[in-house]
Protein backbone atom coordinates (compact mmCIF):
# COMPACT_ATOMS: atom_id res chain seq x y z
CA MET A 1 4.75 62.35 127.95
CA THR A 2 2.86 65.63 128.01
CA LYS A 3 -0.46 66.10 129.79
CA TYR A 4 -2.60 66.12 126.63
CA GLN A 5 -0.93 62.93 125.37
CA GLU A 6 -1.51 61.33 128.76
CA TYR A 7 -5.20 62.24 128.66
CA PHE A 8 -5.43 60.94 125.09
CA GLN A 9 -3.99 57.57 126.16
CA LYS A 10 -6.33 57.40 129.16
CA MET A 11 -9.31 58.20 126.94
CA ILE A 12 -8.42 55.39 124.54
CA GLU A 13 -7.81 52.92 127.39
CA HIS A 14 -11.05 53.72 129.25
CA ASN A 15 -13.13 53.41 126.06
CA LYS A 16 -11.17 50.64 124.35
CA GLU A 17 -14.12 48.82 122.75
CA LEU A 18 -15.65 52.00 121.36
CA PHE A 19 -12.39 53.21 119.83
CA GLU A 20 -11.50 49.78 118.41
CA LYS A 21 -14.88 49.62 116.68
CA PHE A 22 -14.49 53.19 115.43
CA ARG A 23 -10.94 52.47 114.20
CA GLU A 24 -12.28 49.60 112.10
CA ILE A 25 -15.09 51.72 110.66
CA HIS A 26 -12.61 54.55 110.06
CA GLN A 27 -10.40 52.22 108.01
CA HIS A 28 -13.35 51.08 105.91
CA TYR A 29 -14.48 54.69 105.52
CA THR A 30 -11.09 55.76 104.15
CA LEU A 31 -11.50 53.23 101.34
CA GLU A 32 -15.20 53.72 100.53
CA GLU A 33 -16.62 56.95 101.94
CA GLU A 34 -20.08 56.77 100.41
CA LYS A 35 -20.70 53.18 101.47
CA TYR A 36 -19.73 53.69 105.12
CA GLN A 37 -20.81 57.31 105.69
CA GLU A 38 -23.97 56.49 107.64
CA GLU A 39 -22.25 53.97 109.93
CA PHE A 40 -19.28 56.34 110.32
CA ASN A 41 -21.62 59.15 111.42
CA LYS A 42 -23.51 56.90 113.84
CA GLU A 43 -20.41 55.60 115.65
CA GLY A 44 -18.67 58.93 115.26
CA GLU A 45 -21.30 60.70 117.36
CA LYS A 46 -20.50 58.41 120.28
CA VAL A 47 -16.76 58.93 119.80
CA LEU A 48 -17.12 62.72 119.62
CA ALA A 49 -19.09 62.72 122.87
CA VAL A 50 -16.26 60.84 124.60
CA ILE A 51 -13.63 63.10 123.05
CA HIS A 52 -15.41 66.25 124.24
CA GLU A 53 -15.80 64.79 127.71
CA TRP A 54 -12.06 64.08 127.97
CA GLU A 55 -11.15 67.42 126.42
CA ASN A 56 -13.24 69.14 129.10
CA LYS A 57 -11.49 67.12 131.81
CA LEU A 58 -8.10 68.12 130.44
CA CYS A 59 -8.91 71.81 130.09
CA SER A 60 -10.66 72.07 133.45
CA GLN A 61 -7.54 70.77 135.17
CA SER A 62 -5.41 73.53 133.63
CA GLU A 63 -8.01 76.19 134.41
CA LYS A 64 -8.04 75.13 138.05
CA GLY A 65 -4.28 75.48 138.14
CA GLY A 66 -4.44 79.10 137.01
CA TYR A 67 -3.42 78.44 133.42
CA GLY A 68 -6.74 79.33 131.81
CA VAL A 69 -4.96 81.44 129.20
CA PHE A 70 -3.35 78.32 127.74
CA THR A 71 -6.40 76.05 127.56
CA GLY A 72 -7.11 76.98 123.94
CA ASN A 73 -3.67 75.80 122.90
CA LEU A 74 -4.01 72.71 125.05
CA ALA A 75 -7.34 71.81 123.46
CA GLY A 76 -5.81 72.34 120.01
CA LYS A 77 -2.93 70.01 120.79
CA PHE A 78 -5.35 67.40 122.14
CA GLN A 79 -7.41 67.63 118.93
CA ALA A 80 -4.23 67.35 116.83
CA GLU A 81 -3.34 64.16 118.71
CA ILE A 82 -6.78 62.76 117.87
CA LYS A 83 -6.38 63.70 114.20
CA LYS A 84 -3.07 61.82 114.07
CA GLU A 85 -4.93 58.67 115.06
CA PHE A 86 -8.16 59.38 113.12
CA PRO A 87 -7.41 61.78 110.22
CA LEU A 88 -10.99 61.79 108.90
CA ILE A 89 -12.69 62.53 112.22
CA ASP A 90 -13.83 65.90 110.86
CA HIS A 91 -16.02 64.03 108.36
CA ILE A 92 -18.39 62.90 111.10
CA GLY A 93 -21.83 64.34 110.50
CA ILE A 94 -21.49 64.83 106.75
CA ILE A 95 -24.78 64.15 105.02
CA VAL A 96 -24.42 62.64 101.58
CA LYS A 97 -27.24 63.21 99.15
CA ARG A 98 -27.20 61.40 95.88
CA PHE A 99 -27.28 63.80 92.96
CA SER A 100 -28.87 62.90 89.68
CA LEU A 101 -29.75 64.82 86.58
CA LYS A 102 -33.07 64.44 84.87
CA LYS A 103 -32.79 63.44 81.29
CA ILE A 104 -34.48 65.77 78.82
CA ASN A 105 -35.93 64.20 75.71
CA LEU A 106 -35.93 66.39 72.63
């Protein structure tokens, strides 16, 4: 198992309740985006904070080891691992405004 996969597993294990709740909301969101958007955004903010924290831990370890040049690739691989598990994670923060047309009477 590579380092970024190891950190991904640790992140999920240390925040099991949060990620289980988000996984459930994520599944509902894939079926009905408009209905669950607000709840998805609310829980997603917490998840993103945890993800960024663990990404920083991962990248700081490689920078300390003298591999700072490779941290961009490492962060990208870590994000790709997250997107495998939660494909719609990039939808967090989307604001949905209902659009309606005014009817013109002639």
